[in-house]
Amino acid sequence: MATGSTDQTITVRQLCSLTGHAQSFFSEHRGDLPQPTPLHQPGKVGRPTLHYSLAELAAFALNRTASLSDAECRLIVALGRPSEDSQP
């Protein structure tokens, strides 16, 4: 679990950018993912930003893909979203 430091966590917005999924995807699958930690940004009012522990996400990914080879994982990623090389 995150201890308040944002250098070992990732926000939902960053996950959206990384995966190409909308924020609603992470809301709909919150029960499948590790528990996020709400963190208040200094000087900001309103709802806290949800942060996921990178270690917990890595364990989640390893658990979900342990039976796959490196090539299978790369193929799934390649087919799941456009590569940065193909972007105009």
PDB file of N, CA and C in Angstrom:
ATOM      1  N   MET A   1       0.850  -1.175   0.000  1.00  0.00           N
ATOM      2  CA  MET A   1       0.000   0.000   0.000  1.00  0.00           C
ATOM      3  C   MET A   1       0.890   1.231   0.000  1.00  0.00           C
ATOM      4  N   ALA A   2       0.457   2.245  -0.681  1.00  0.00           N
ATOM      5  CA  ALA A   2       1.237   3.473  -0.755  1.00  0.00           C
ATOM      6  C   ALA A   2       1.300   4.121   0.621  1.00  0.00           C
ATOM      7  N   THR A   3       2.426   4.738   0.903  1.00  0.00           N
ATOM      8  CA  THR A   3       2.607   5.354   2.208  1.00  0.00           C
ATOM      9  C   THR A   3       2.539   6.869   2.138  1.00  0.00           C
ATOM     10  N   GLY A   4       1.923   7.385   1.088  1.00  0.00           N
ATOM     11  CA  GLY A   4       1.809   8.822   0.957  1.00  0.00           C
ATOM     12  C   GLY A   4       2.784   9.385  -0.059  1.00  0.00           C
ATOM     13  N   SER A   5       3.737   8.605  -0.481  1.00  0.00           N
ATOM     14  CA  SER A   5       4.699   9.048  -1.486  1.00  0.00           C
ATOM     15  C   SER A   5       4.156   8.748  -2.867  1.00  0.00           C
ATOM     16  N   THR A   6       4.218   9.742  -3.748  1.00  0.00           N
ATOM     17  CA  THR A   6       3.678   9.537  -5.082  1.00  0.00           C
ATOM     18  C   THR A   6       4.713   8.987  -6.053  1.00  0.00           C
ATOM     19  N   ASP A   7       5.984   8.812  -5.637  1.00  0.00           N
ATOM     20  CA  ASP A   7       6.986   8.301  -6.560  1.00  0.00           C
ATOM     21  C   ASP A   7       6.931   6.780  -6.693  1.00  0.00           C
ATOM     22  N   GLN A   8       6.167   6.102  -5.863  1.00  0.00           N
ATOM     23  CA  GLN A   8       6.012   4.660  -5.949  1.00  0.00           C
ATOM     24  C   GLN A   8       4.570   4.286  -6.265  1.00  0.00           C
ATOM     25  N   THR A   9       3.834   5.246  -6.789  1.00  0.00           N
ATOM     26  CA  THR A   9       2.435   5.025  -7.137  1.00  0.00           C
ATOM     27  C   THR A   9       2.173   5.580  -8.531  1.00  0.00           C
ATOM     28  N   ILE A  10       1.007   5.230  -9.047  1.00  0.00           N
ATOM     29  CA  ILE A  10       0.561   5.746 -10.335  1.00  0.00           C
ATOM     30  C   ILE A  10      -0.897   6.147 -10.183  1.00  0.00           C
ATOM     31  N   THR A  11      -1.264   7.259 -10.786  1.00  0.00           N
ATOM     32  CA  THR A  11      -2.638   7.740 -10.689  1.00  0.00           C
ATOM     33  C   THR A  11      -3.504   7.057 -11.741  1.00  0.00           C
ATOM     34  N   VAL A  12      -4.801   7.151 -11.560  1.00  0.00           N
ATOM     35  CA  VAL A  12      -5.738   6.611 -12.549  1.00  0.00           C
ATOM     36  C   VAL A  12      -5.530   7.325 -13.886  1.00  0.00           C
ATOM     37  N   ARG A  13      -5.316   8.616 -13.856  1.00  0.00           N
ATOM     38  CA  ARG A  13      -5.076   9.377 -15.095  1.00  0.00           C
ATOM     39  C   ARG A  13      -3.841   8.846 -15.812  1.00  0.00           C
ATOM     40  N   GLN A  14      -2.776   8.545 -15.081  1.00  0.00           N
ATOM     41  CA  GLN A  14      -1.568   8.000 -15.692  1.00  0.00           C
ATOM     42  C   GLN A  14      -1.826   6.603 -16.250  1.00  0.00           C
ATOM     43  N   LEU A  15      -2.622   5.805 -15.530  1.00  0.00           N
ATOM     44  CA  LEU A  15      -2.978   4.474 -16.040  1.00  0.00           C
ATOM     45  C   LEU A  15      -3.778   4.587 -17.332  1.00  0.00           C
ATOM     46  N   CYS A  16      -4.667   5.563 -17.404  1.00  0.00           N
ATOM     47  CA  CYS A  16      -5.450   5.781 -18.628  1.00  0.00           C
ATOM     48  C   CYS A  16      -4.523   6.087 -19.794  1.00  0.00           C
ATOM     49  N   SER A  17      -3.571   6.954 -19.561  1.00  0.00           N
ATOM     50  CA  SER A  17      -2.622   7.327 -20.606  1.00  0.00           C
ATOM     51  C   SER A  17      -1.774   6.130 -21.027  1.00  0.00           C
ATOM     52  N   LEU A  18      -1.342   5.350 -20.062  1.00  0.00           N
ATOM     53  CA  LEU A  18      -0.494   4.189 -20.334  1.00  0.00           C
ATOM     54  C   LEU A  18      -1.229   3.088 -21.078  1.00  0.00           C
ATOM     55  N   THR A  19      -2.484   2.848 -20.714  1.00  0.00           N
ATOM     56  CA  THR A  19      -3.224   1.715 -21.269  1.00  0.00           C
ATOM     57  C   THR A  19      -4.135   2.067 -22.433  1.00  0.00           C
ATOM     58  N   GLY A  20      -4.477   3.333 -22.570  1.00  0.00           N
ATOM     59  CA  GLY A  20      -5.422   3.720 -23.608  1.00  0.00           C
ATOM     60  C   GLY A  20      -6.871   3.514 -23.212  1.00  0.00           C
ATOM     61  N   HIS A  21      -7.115   3.161 -21.953  1.00  0.00           N
ATOM     62  CA  HIS A  21      -8.484   2.980 -21.455  1.00  0.00           C
ATOM     63  C   HIS A  21      -8.999   4.287 -20.862  1.00  0.00           C
ATOM     64  N   ALA A  22     -10.315   4.445 -20.906  1.00  0.00           N
ATOM     65  CA  ALA A  22     -10.958   5.594 -20.276  1.00  0.00           C
ATOM     66  C   ALA A  22     -10.987   5.388 -18.763  1.00  0.00           C
ATOM     67  N   GLN A  23     -11.159   6.475 -18.036  1.00  0.00           N
ATOM     68  CA  GLN A  23     -11.216   6.399 -16.580  1.00  0.00           C
ATOM     69  C   GLN A  23     -12.352   5.493 -16.118  1.00  0.00           C
ATOM     70  N   SER A  24     -13.430   5.437 -16.877  1.00  0.00           N
ATOM     71  CA  SER A  24     -14.562   4.588 -16.508  1.00  0.00           C
ATOM     72  C   SER A  24     -14.168   3.113 -16.468  1.00  0.00           C
ATOM     73  N   PHE A  25     -13.211   2.705 -17.298  1.00  0.00           N
ATOM     74  CA  PHE A  25     -12.739   1.322 -17.289  1.00  0.00           C
ATOM     75  C   PHE A  25     -12.216   0.945 -15.906  1.00  0.00           C
ATOM     76  N   PHE A  26     -11.429   1.828 -15.303  1.00  0.00           N
ATOM     77  CA  PHE A  26     -10.843   1.533 -13.996  1.00  0.00           C
ATOM     78  C   PHE A  26     -11.887   1.583 -12.891  1.00  0.00           C
ATOM     79  N   SER A  27     -12.905   2.423 -13.065  1.00  0.00           N
ATOM     80  CA  SER A  27     -14.013   2.449 -12.105  1.00  0.00           C
ATOM     81  C   SER A  27     -14.811   1.153 -12.184  1.00  0.00           C
ATOM     82  N   GLU A  28     -15.076   0.694 -13.415  1.00  0.00           N
ATOM     83  CA  GLU A  28     -15.850  -0.531 -13.612  1.00  0.00           C
ATOM     84  C   GLU A  28     -15.103  -1.778 -13.134  1.00  0.00           C
ATOM     85  N   HIS A  29     -13.772  -1.746 -13.157  1.00  0.00           N
ATOM     86  CA  HIS A  29     -12.962  -2.907 -12.785  1.00  0.00           C
ATOM     87  C   HIS A  29     -12.237  -2.723 -11.458  1.00  0.00           C
ATOM     88  N   ARG A  30     -12.715  -1.808 -10.658  1.00  0.00           N
ATOM     89  CA  ARG A  30     -12.053  -1.523  -9.379  1.00  0.00           C
ATOM     90  C   ARG A  30     -11.957  -2.771  -8.500  1.00  0.00           C
ATOM     91  N   GLY A  31     -12.958  -3.643  -8.557  1.00  0.00           N
ATOM     92  CA  GLY A  31     -12.932  -4.862  -7.756  1.00  0.00           C
ATOM     93  C   GLY A  31     -11.890  -5.869  -8.220  1.00  0.00           C
ATOM     94  N   ASP A  32     -11.441  -5.761  -9.460  1.00  0.00           N
ATOM     95  CA  ASP A  32     -10.429  -6.661 -10.006  1.00  0.00           C
ATOM     96  C   ASP A  32      -9.013  -6.179  -9.721  1.00  0.00           C
ATOM     97  N   LEU A  33      -8.857  -4.893  -9.511  1.00  0.00           N
ATOM     98  CA  LEU A  33      -7.542  -4.283  -9.334  1.00  0.00           C
ATOM     99  C   LEU A  33      -7.168  -4.193  -7.865  1.00  0.00           C
ATOM    100  N   PRO A  34      -5.878  -3.981  -7.579  1.00  0.00           N
ATOM    101  CA  PRO A  34      -5.491  -3.726  -6.176  1.00  0.00           C
ATOM    102  C   PRO A  34      -6.225  -2.493  -5.646  1.00  0.00           C
ATOM    103  N   GLN A  35      -6.354  -2.409  -4.355  1.00  0.00           N
ATOM    104  CA  GLN A  35      -7.049  -1.285  -3.712  1.00  0.00           C
ATOM    105  C   GLN A  35      -6.257   0.002  -3.909  1.00  0.00           C
ATOM    106  N   PRO A  36      -6.864   1.057  -4.497  1.00  0.00           N
ATOM    107  CA  PRO A  36      -6.151   2.328  -4.629  1.00  0.00           C
ATOM    108  C   PRO A  36      -6.125   3.083  -3.305  1.00  0.00           C
ATOM    109  N   THR A  37      -5.180   3.985  -3.195  1.00  0.00           N
ATOM    110  CA  THR A  37      -5.055   4.823  -2.014  1.00  0.00           C
ATOM    111  C   THR A  37      -5.399   6.260  -2.393  1.00  0.00           C
ATOM    112  N   PRO A  38      -6.380   6.871  -1.726  1.00  0.00           N
ATOM    113  CA  PRO A  38      -6.673   8.274  -2.011  1.00  0.00           C
ATOM    114  C   PRO A  38      -5.616   9.179  -1.376  1.00  0.00           C
ATOM    115  N   LEU A  39      -5.032  10.058  -2.175  1.00  0.00           N
ATOM    116  CA  LEU A  39      -4.031  10.996  -1.667  1.00  0.00           C
ATOM    117  C   LEU A  39      -4.452  12.421  -2.027  1.00  0.00           C
ATOM    118  N   HIS A  40      -4.421  13.289  -1.032  1.00  0.00           N
ATOM    119  CA  HIS A  40      -4.712  14.701  -1.265  1.00  0.00           C
ATOM    120  C   HIS A  40      -3.446  15.386  -1.769  1.00  0.00           C
ATOM    121  N   GLN A  41      -3.592  16.143  -2.831  1.00  0.00           N
ATOM    122  CA  GLN A  41      -2.467  16.910  -3.369  1.00  0.00           C
ATOM    123  C   GLN A  41      -2.318  18.175  -2.541  1.00  0.00           C
ATOM    124  N   PRO A  42      -1.089  18.527  -2.160  1.00  0.00           N
ATOM    125  CA  PRO A  42      -0.884  19.748  -1.367  1.00  0.00           C
ATOM    126  C   PRO A  42      -1.429  20.977  -2.094  1.00  0.00           C
ATOM    127  N   GLY A  43      -2.196  21.768  -1.382  1.00  0.00           N
ATOM    128  CA  GLY A  43      -2.733  22.998  -1.930  1.00  0.00           C
ATOM    129  C   GLY A  43      -3.977  22.833  -2.789  1.00  0.00           C
ATOM    130  N   LYS A  44      -4.447  21.610  -2.975  1.00  0.00           N
ATOM    131  CA  LYS A  44      -5.649  21.389  -3.780  1.00  0.00           C
ATOM    132  C   LYS A  44      -6.807  21.019  -2.868  1.00  0.00           C
ATOM    133  N   VAL A  45      -7.974  21.557  -3.185  1.00  0.00           N
ATOM    134  CA  VAL A  45      -9.182  21.205  -2.448  1.00  0.00           C
ATOM    135  C   VAL A  45     -10.001  20.265  -3.308  1.00  0.00           C
ATOM    136  N   GLY A  46     -10.897  19.555  -2.677  1.00  0.00           N
ATOM    137  CA  GLY A  46     -11.754  18.637  -3.412  1.00  0.00           C
ATOM    138  C   GLY A  46     -11.385  17.190  -3.140  1.00  0.00           C
ATOM    139  N   ARG A  47     -11.883  16.339  -4.024  1.00  0.00           N
ATOM    140  CA  ARG A  47     -11.675  14.907  -3.843  1.00  0.00           C
ATOM    141  C   ARG A  47     -10.209  14.549  -4.021  1.00  0.00           C
ATOM    142  N   PRO A  48      -9.742  13.585  -3.243  1.00  0.00           N
ATOM    143  CA  PRO A  48      -8.348  13.160  -3.395  1.00  0.00           C
ATOM    144  C   PRO A  48      -8.151  12.385  -4.697  1.00  0.00           C
ATOM    145  N   THR A  49      -6.927  12.347  -5.160  1.00  0.00           N
ATOM    146  CA  THR A  49      -6.556  11.588  -6.342  1.00  0.00           C
ATOM    147  C   THR A  49      -6.293  10.142  -5.927  1.00  0.00           C
ATOM    148  N   LEU A  50      -6.830   9.190  -6.710  1.00  0.00           N
ATOM    149  CA  LEU A  50      -6.577   7.789  -6.416  1.00  0.00           C
ATOM    150  C   LEU A  50      -5.225   7.380  -6.982  1.00  0.00           C
ATOM    151  N   HIS A  51      -4.429   6.738  -6.147  1.00  0.00           N
ATOM    152  CA  HIS A  51      -3.110   6.256  -6.538  1.00  0.00           C
ATOM    153  C   HIS A  51      -3.052   4.753  -6.321  1.00  0.00           C
ATOM    154  N   TYR A  52      -2.471   4.050  -7.289  1.00  0.00           N
ATOM    155  CA  TYR A  52      -2.240   2.617  -7.158  1.00  0.00           C
ATOM    156  C   TYR A  52      -0.773   2.389  -6.869  1.00  0.00           C
ATOM    157  N   SER A  53      -0.483   1.478  -5.972  1.00  0.00           N
ATOM    158  CA  SER A  53       0.887   1.101  -5.669  1.00  0.00           C
ATOM    159  C   SER A  53       1.480   0.386  -6.879  1.00  0.00           C
ATOM    160  N   LEU A  54       2.664   0.824  -7.314  1.00  0.00           N
ATOM    161  CA  LEU A  54       3.324   0.161  -8.437  1.00  0.00           C
ATOM    162  C   LEU A  54       3.680  -1.281  -8.090  1.00  0.00           C
ATOM    163  N   ALA A  55       4.079  -1.532  -6.864  1.00  0.00           N
ATOM    164  CA  ALA A  55       4.416  -2.896  -6.447  1.00  0.00           C
ATOM    165  C   ALA A  55       3.181  -3.794  -6.494  1.00  0.00           C
ATOM    166  N   GLU A  56       2.036  -3.270  -6.043  1.00  0.00           N
ATOM    167  CA  GLU A  56       0.807  -4.063  -6.068  1.00  0.00           C
ATOM    168  C   GLU A  56       0.324  -4.290  -7.494  1.00  0.00           C
ATOM    169  N   LEU A  57       0.469  -3.284  -8.370  1.00  0.00           N
ATOM    170  CA  LEU A  57       0.098  -3.464  -9.773  1.00  0.00           C
ATOM    171  C   LEU A  57       1.018  -4.468 -10.458  1.00  0.00           C
ATOM    172  N   ALA A  58       2.302  -4.435 -10.123  1.00  0.00           N
ATOM    173  CA  ALA A  58       3.242  -5.400 -10.699  1.00  0.00           C
ATOM    174  C   ALA A  58       2.894  -6.818 -10.255  1.00  0.00           C
ATOM    175  N   ALA A  59       2.555  -6.999  -8.992  1.00  0.00           N
ATOM    176  CA  ALA A  59       2.149  -8.321  -8.491  1.00  0.00           C
ATOM    177  C   ALA A  59       0.852  -8.772  -9.162  1.00  0.00           C
ATOM    178  N   PHE A  60      -0.080  -7.846  -9.342  1.00  0.00           N
ATOM    179  CA  PHE A  60      -1.339  -8.133 -10.030  1.00  0.00           C
ATOM    180  C   PHE A  60      -1.065  -8.603 -11.456  1.00  0.00           C
ATOM    181  N   ALA A  61      -0.221  -7.864 -12.175  1.00  0.00           N
ATOM    182  CA  ALA A  61       0.101  -8.216 -13.563  1.00  0.00           C
ATOM    183  C   ALA A  61       0.806  -9.564 -13.637  1.00  0.00           C
ATOM    184  N   LEU A  62       1.740  -9.810 -12.736  1.00  0.00           N
ATOM    185  CA  LEU A  62       2.455 -11.083 -12.722  1.00  0.00           C
ATOM    186  C   LEU A  62       1.493 -12.236 -12.441  1.00  0.00           C
ATOM    187  N   ASN A  63       0.590 -12.039 -11.503  1.00  0.00           N
ATOM    188  CA  ASN A  63      -0.390 -13.066 -11.165  1.00  0.00           C
ATOM    189  C   ASN A  63      -1.301 -13.372 -12.361  1.00  0.00           C
ATOM    190  N   ARG A  64      -1.728 -12.308 -13.069  1.00  0.00           N
ATOM    191  CA  ARG A  64      -2.635 -12.489 -14.202  1.00  0.00           C
ATOM    192  C   ARG A  64      -1.956 -13.055 -15.444  1.00  0.00           C
ATOM    193  N   THR A  65      -0.632 -12.900 -15.549  1.00  0.00           N
ATOM    194  CA  THR A  65       0.071 -13.309 -16.771  1.00  0.00           C
ATOM    195  C   THR A  65       1.121 -14.386 -16.522  1.00  0.00           C
ATOM    196  N   ALA A  66       1.150 -14.966 -15.343  1.00  0.00           N
ATOM    197  CA  ALA A  66       2.199 -15.932 -14.991  1.00  0.00           C
ATOM    198  C   ALA A  66       2.252 -17.123 -15.939  1.00  0.00           C
ATOM    199  N   SER A  67       1.140 -17.502 -16.513  1.00  0.00           N
ATOM    200  CA  SER A  67       1.114 -18.669 -17.395  1.00  0.00           C
ATOM    201  C   SER A  67       1.486 -18.321 -18.841  1.00  0.00           C
ATOM    202  N   LEU A  68       1.695 -17.034 -19.130  1.00  0.00           N
ATOM    203  CA  LEU A  68       2.005 -16.599 -20.491  1.00  0.00           C
ATOM    204  C   LEU A  68       3.506 -16.414 -20.682  1.00  0.00           C
ATOM    205  N   SER A  69       3.967 -16.660 -21.893  1.00  0.00           N
ATOM    206  CA  SER A  69       5.369 -16.392 -22.214  1.00  0.00           C
ATOM    207  C   SER A  69       5.548 -14.893 -22.457  1.00  0.00           C
ATOM    208  N   ASP A  70       6.800 -14.453 -22.501  1.00  0.00           N
ATOM    209  CA  ASP A  70       7.100 -13.057 -22.792  1.00  0.00           C
ATOM    210  C   ASP A  70       6.535 -12.673 -24.161  1.00  0.00           C
ATOM    211  N   ALA A  71       6.680 -13.557 -25.139  1.00  0.00           N
ATOM    212  CA  ALA A  71       6.169 -13.282 -26.488  1.00  0.00           C
ATOM    213  C   ALA A  71       4.645 -13.141 -26.484  1.00  0.00           C
ATOM    214  N   GLU A  72       3.955 -13.990 -25.728  1.00  0.00           N
ATOM    215  CA  GLU A  72       2.493 -13.899 -25.651  1.00  0.00           C
ATOM    216  C   GLU A  72       2.067 -12.577 -25.020  1.00  0.00           C
ATOM    217  N   CYS A  73       2.760 -12.166 -23.962  1.00  0.00           N
ATOM    218  CA  CYS A  73       2.437 -10.888 -23.318  1.00  0.00           C
ATOM    219  C   CYS A  73       2.656  -9.731 -24.287  1.00  0.00           C
ATOM    220  N   ARG A  74       3.768  -9.763 -25.008  1.00  0.00           N
ATOM    221  CA  ARG A  74       4.054  -8.692 -25.969  1.00  0.00           C
ATOM    222  C   ARG A  74       3.015  -8.660 -27.087  1.00  0.00           C
ATOM    223  N   LEU A  75       2.576  -9.820 -27.537  1.00  0.00           N
ATOM    224  CA  LEU A  75       1.565  -9.885 -28.587  1.00  0.00           C
ATOM    225  C   LEU A  75       0.240  -9.303 -28.102  1.00  0.00           C
ATOM    226  N   ILE A  76      -0.140  -9.637 -26.900  1.00  0.00           N
ATOM    227  CA  ILE A  76      -1.384  -9.101 -26.331  1.00  0.00           C
ATOM    228  C   ILE A  76      -1.308  -7.579 -26.234  1.00  0.00           C
ATOM    229  N   VAL A  77      -0.190  -7.066 -25.777  1.00  0.00           N
ATOM    230  CA  VAL A  77      -0.026  -5.618 -25.668  1.00  0.00           C
ATOM    231  C   VAL A  77      -0.024  -4.980 -27.052  1.00  0.00           C
ATOM    232  N   ALA A  78       0.681  -5.583 -27.997  1.00  0.00           N
ATOM    233  CA  ALA A  78       0.773  -5.025 -29.342  1.00  0.00           C
ATOM    234  C   ALA A  78      -0.588  -4.980 -30.030  1.00  0.00           C
ATOM    235  N   LEU A  79      -1.407  -5.975 -29.804  1.00  0.00           N
ATOM    236  CA  LEU A  79      -2.723  -6.010 -30.426  1.00  0.00           C
ATOM    237  C   LEU A  79      -3.747  -5.170 -29.665  1.00  0.00           C
ATOM    238  N   GLY A  80      -3.458  -4.904 -28.404  1.00  0.00           N
ATOM    239  CA  GLY A  80      -4.400  -4.185 -27.562  1.00  0.00           C
ATOM    240  C   GLY A  80      -4.376  -2.680 -27.720  1.00  0.00           C
ATOM    241  N   ARG A  81      -3.248  -2.150 -28.165  1.00  0.00           N
ATOM    242  CA  ARG A  81      -3.166  -0.702 -28.352  1.00  0.00           C
ATOM    243  C   ARG A  81      -2.096  -0.395 -29.374  1.00  0.00           C
ATOM    244  N   PRO A  82      -2.234   0.721 -30.088  1.00  0.00           N
ATOM    245  CA  PRO A  82      -1.241   1.062 -31.105  1.00  0.00           C
ATOM    246  C   PRO A  82       0.115   1.346 -30.480  1.00  0.00           C
ATOM    247  N   SER A  83       1.179   0.977 -31.159  1.00  0.00           N
ATOM    248  CA  SER A  83       2.508   1.251 -30.652  1.00  0.00           C
ATOM    249  C   SER A  83       2.826   2.727 -30.855  1.00  0.00           C
ATOM    250  N   GLU A  84       3.781   3.225 -30.095  1.00  0.00           N
ATOM    251  CA  GLU A  84       4.175   4.627 -30.231  1.00  0.00           C
ATOM    252  C   GLU A  84       4.822   4.861 -31.596  1.00  0.00           C
ATOM    253  N   ASP A  85       5.419   3.818 -32.186  1.00  0.00           N
ATOM    254  CA  ASP A  85       6.061   3.953 -33.495  1.00  0.00           C
ATOM    255  C   ASP A  85       5.037   4.219 -34.594  1.00  0.00           C
ATOM    256  N   SER A  86       3.798   3.759 -34.416  1.00  0.00           N
ATOM    257  CA  SER A  86       2.791   3.914 -35.458  1.00  0.00           C
ATOM    258  C   SER A  86       2.010   5.217 -35.367  1.00  0.00           C
ATOM    259  N   GLN A  87       2.289   6.001 -34.344  1.00  0.00           N
ATOM    260  CA  GLN A  87       1.588   7.261 -34.167  1.00  0.00           C
ATOM    261  C   GLN A  87       2.143   8.300 -35.145  1.00  0.00           C
ATOM    262  N   PRO A  88       1.264   9.106 -35.770  1.00  0.00           N
ATOM    263  CA  PRO A  88       1.742  10.138 -36.706  1.00  0.00           C
ATOM    264  C   PRO A  88       2.487  11.251 -35.998  1.00  0.00           C
TER     265      PRO A  88
END
